[in-house]
Amino acid sequence: MLAAIAIAFDLLSFQFRQRRRIIVCLAISCLFIAAHFALLGHDTATGLALLAAVRLVAGSLTTSKRVMLVFVAATITVTGLTFHGLLSVFSGLGSVFGTVGSFCRSDRTLRLVMMGATSLWLIHNCLAGTPMAVLMEALFLDSNILGFYRFYLRRAGRVPD
């Protein structure tokens, strides 16, 4: 149920054009996915999802590269303190990409960087054996691609009808 609520916020997020609305939906989703991973006993993913919620709120207020670096360092610290092998590597890398995306000034760059982050989390969730989280990331990636198409490719006329 927690992952299902996270999915709803993820799907909603990239259908907005405004960067702040995208980020608020993602932050709410992170809180639900953190609870999901906590119940499954995945410490690194839980810690990184909680950190991501805070990071997203900070990213909605500033695009400062210094603040971004603080969150990159915090991500590396959480990953190191809760390290459990390959799962931690994928979640840590996904979180670093997510951190960079959160502090991008444009929603276009945010979308592209988040595609990378989502792909890494998708691999993590497959390895972690959590079908709902796999579905969540797959739908999130699809929603992001759809939003990117709607706002950038279709309008620019770069994709034929």
Protein backbone atom coordinates (compact mmCIF):
# COMPACT_ATOMS: atom_id res chain seq x y z
CA MET A 1 0.00 0.00 0.00
CA LEU A 2 2.85 2.40 0.81
CA ALA A 3 4.50 1.79 -2.56
CA ALA A 4 1.13 2.26 -4.30
CA ILE A 5 0.75 5.73 -2.75
CA ALA A 6 4.34 6.53 -3.75
CA ILE A 7 3.49 5.43 -7.31
CA ALA A 8 0.57 7.86 -7.44
CA PHE A 9 2.78 10.79 -6.46
CA ASP A 10 5.53 9.69 -8.86
CA LEU A 11 3.11 9.50 -11.79
CA LEU A 12 1.71 12.88 -10.93
CA SER A 13 5.10 14.55 -10.52
CA PHE A 14 6.36 14.65 -14.09
CA GLN A 15 3.04 15.70 -15.55
CA PHE A 16 3.69 19.17 -14.14
CA ARG A 17 5.86 21.68 -15.95
CA GLN A 18 6.73 23.71 -12.84
CA ARG A 19 9.93 22.50 -11.20
CA ARG A 20 8.65 23.15 -7.66
CA ARG A 21 5.50 21.04 -8.15
CA ILE A 22 7.57 18.20 -9.58
CA ILE A 23 9.87 18.27 -6.56
CA VAL A 24 7.07 18.45 -3.94
CA CYS A 25 5.38 15.37 -5.41
CA LEU A 26 8.71 13.54 -5.45
CA ALA A 27 9.37 14.44 -1.80
CA ILE A 28 6.02 13.06 -0.70
CA SER A 29 6.68 9.90 -2.70
CA CYS A 30 10.05 9.49 -0.97
CA LEU A 31 8.43 9.42 2.45
CA PHE A 32 6.13 6.58 1.42
CA ILE A 33 8.88 4.60 -0.28
CA ALA A 34 11.12 5.04 2.79
CA ALA A 35 8.41 3.42 4.92
CA HIS A 36 8.13 0.63 2.33
CA PHE A 37 11.86 -0.11 2.45
CA ALA A 38 11.92 0.14 6.25
CA LEU A 39 9.28 -2.57 6.48
CA LEU A 40 11.39 -4.72 4.14
CA GLY A 41 14.53 -4.17 6.25
CA HIS A 42 16.55 -2.40 3.53
CA ASP A 43 18.49 0.09 5.66
CA THR A 44 20.42 1.86 2.90
CA ALA A 45 17.33 2.40 0.76
CA THR A 46 15.34 3.58 3.79
CA GLY A 47 17.99 6.09 4.82
CA LEU A 48 18.50 7.34 1.28
CA ALA A 49 14.76 7.75 0.67
CA LEU A 50 14.40 9.80 3.88
CA LEU A 51 17.43 11.86 2.92
CA ALA A 52 15.94 12.32 -0.55
CA ALA A 53 12.75 13.79 0.91
CA VAL A 54 14.79 16.39 2.80
CA ARG A 55 17.03 16.96 -0.22
CA LEU A 56 14.04 17.53 -2.48
CA VAL A 57 12.59 20.13 -0.12
CA ALA A 58 15.98 21.88 -0.03
CA GLY A 59 16.17 21.63 -3.82
CA SER A 60 12.80 23.31 -4.15
CA LEU A 61 14.16 26.28 -2.21
CA THR A 62 17.61 26.60 -3.80
CA THR A 63 19.70 25.36 -6.69
CA SER A 64 22.94 26.15 -4.85
CA LYS A 65 25.75 23.81 -5.85
CA ARG A 66 27.19 24.09 -2.34
CA VAL A 67 23.96 22.76 -0.84
CA MET A 68 23.95 20.05 -3.50
CA LEU A 69 27.46 19.00 -2.46
CA VAL A 70 26.32 18.76 1.18
CA PHE A 71 23.61 16.32 0.09
CA VAL A 72 26.02 14.35 -2.11
CA ALA A 73 28.30 13.98 0.94
CA ALA A 74 25.33 12.97 3.10
CA THR A 75 24.31 10.38 0.49
CA ILE A 76 27.79 8.89 0.45
CA THR A 77 27.81 8.87 4.27
CA VAL A 78 24.43 7.11 4.56
CA THR A 79 25.47 4.61 1.90
CA GLY A 80 28.76 3.92 3.67
CA LEU A 81 27.22 3.57 7.13
CA THR A 82 24.54 1.14 5.95
CA PHE A 83 26.56 -0.61 3.23
CA HIS A 84 25.26 -4.04 2.22
CA GLY A 85 27.03 -4.74 -1.07
CA LEU A 86 25.65 -4.28 -4.55
CA LEU A 87 22.23 -3.07 -3.37
CA SER A 88 23.92 -0.20 -1.57
CA VAL A 89 26.00 0.64 -4.64
CA PHE A 90 22.95 0.97 -6.90
CA SER A 91 20.88 2.89 -4.36
CA GLY A 92 23.82 5.15 -3.52
CA LEU A 93 24.52 5.95 -7.18
CA GLY A 94 20.81 6.45 -7.85
CA SER A 95 20.69 8.87 -4.95
CA VAL A 96 23.72 10.82 -6.17
CA PHE A 97 22.04 11.24 -9.57
CA GLY A 98 18.80 12.20 -7.81
CA THR A 99 20.71 14.77 -5.78
CA VAL A 100 22.20 16.35 -8.87
CA GLY A 101 18.76 16.39 -10.50
CA SER A 102 17.15 18.03 -7.47
CA PHE A 103 19.45 21.01 -7.77
CA CYS A 104 19.16 21.54 -11.54
CA ARG A 105 17.80 24.92 -12.48
CA SER A 106 15.72 23.76 -15.44
CA ASP A 107 12.99 21.14 -15.41
CA ARG A 108 14.41 19.76 -18.69
CA THR A 109 17.77 18.94 -17.10
CA LEU A 110 15.99 17.72 -13.96
CA ARG A 111 14.00 15.26 -16.07
CA LEU A 112 17.06 13.94 -17.92
CA VAL A 113 19.15 13.44 -14.79
CA MET A 114 16.22 11.82 -13.00
CA MET A 115 15.94 9.30 -15.84
CA GLY A 116 19.44 8.13 -14.91
CA ALA A 117 18.61 8.07 -11.21
CA THR A 118 15.42 6.12 -11.84
CA SER A 119 17.24 3.56 -13.97
CA LEU A 120 19.71 2.89 -11.14
CA TRP A 121 16.90 2.58 -8.58
CA LEU A 122 15.06 0.25 -10.95
CA ILE A 123 18.07 -2.07 -10.97
CA HIS A 124 18.28 -1.79 -7.16
CA ASN A 125 14.62 -2.70 -6.73
CA CYS A 126 14.93 -5.70 -9.07
CA LEU A 127 17.89 -6.97 -7.03
CA ALA A 128 16.07 -6.21 -3.75
CA GLY A 129 13.14 -8.35 -4.88
CA THR A 130 10.41 -5.78 -4.32
CA PRO A 131 7.91 -5.96 -7.20
CA MET A 132 5.94 -2.90 -6.08
CA ALA A 133 9.09 -0.77 -6.01
CA VAL A 134 10.08 -2.13 -9.45
CA LEU A 135 6.64 -1.18 -10.76
CA MET A 136 6.95 2.22 -9.10
CA GLU A 137 10.30 3.01 -10.74
CA ALA A 138 9.18 1.66 -14.13
CA LEU A 139 6.04 3.81 -14.05
CA PHE A 140 8.06 6.77 -12.78
CA LEU A 141 10.48 6.41 -15.69
CA ASP A 142 7.58 6.10 -18.14
CA SER A 143 5.88 9.17 -16.66
CA ASN A 144 9.11 11.15 -16.90
CA ILE A 145 9.61 10.11 -20.53
CA LEU A 146 5.98 11.01 -21.34
CA GLY A 147 6.37 14.42 -19.68
CA PHE A 148 9.66 15.03 -21.52
CA TYR A 149 7.98 14.11 -24.80
CA ARG A 150 4.98 16.37 -24.11
CA PHE A 151 6.99 19.41 -23.04
CA TYR A 152 10.11 19.16 -25.18
CA LEU A 153 9.98 16.78 -28.11
CA ARG A 154 6.40 17.16 -29.38
CA ARG A 155 6.39 20.95 -29.00
CA ALA A 156 9.76 21.31 -30.70
CA GLY A 157 8.51 19.27 -33.64
CA ARG A 158 11.44 16.88 -33.33
CA VAL A 159 9.26 13.79 -33.17
CA PRO A 160 7.02 13.02 -36.15
CA ASP A 161 3.31 12.48 -35.46
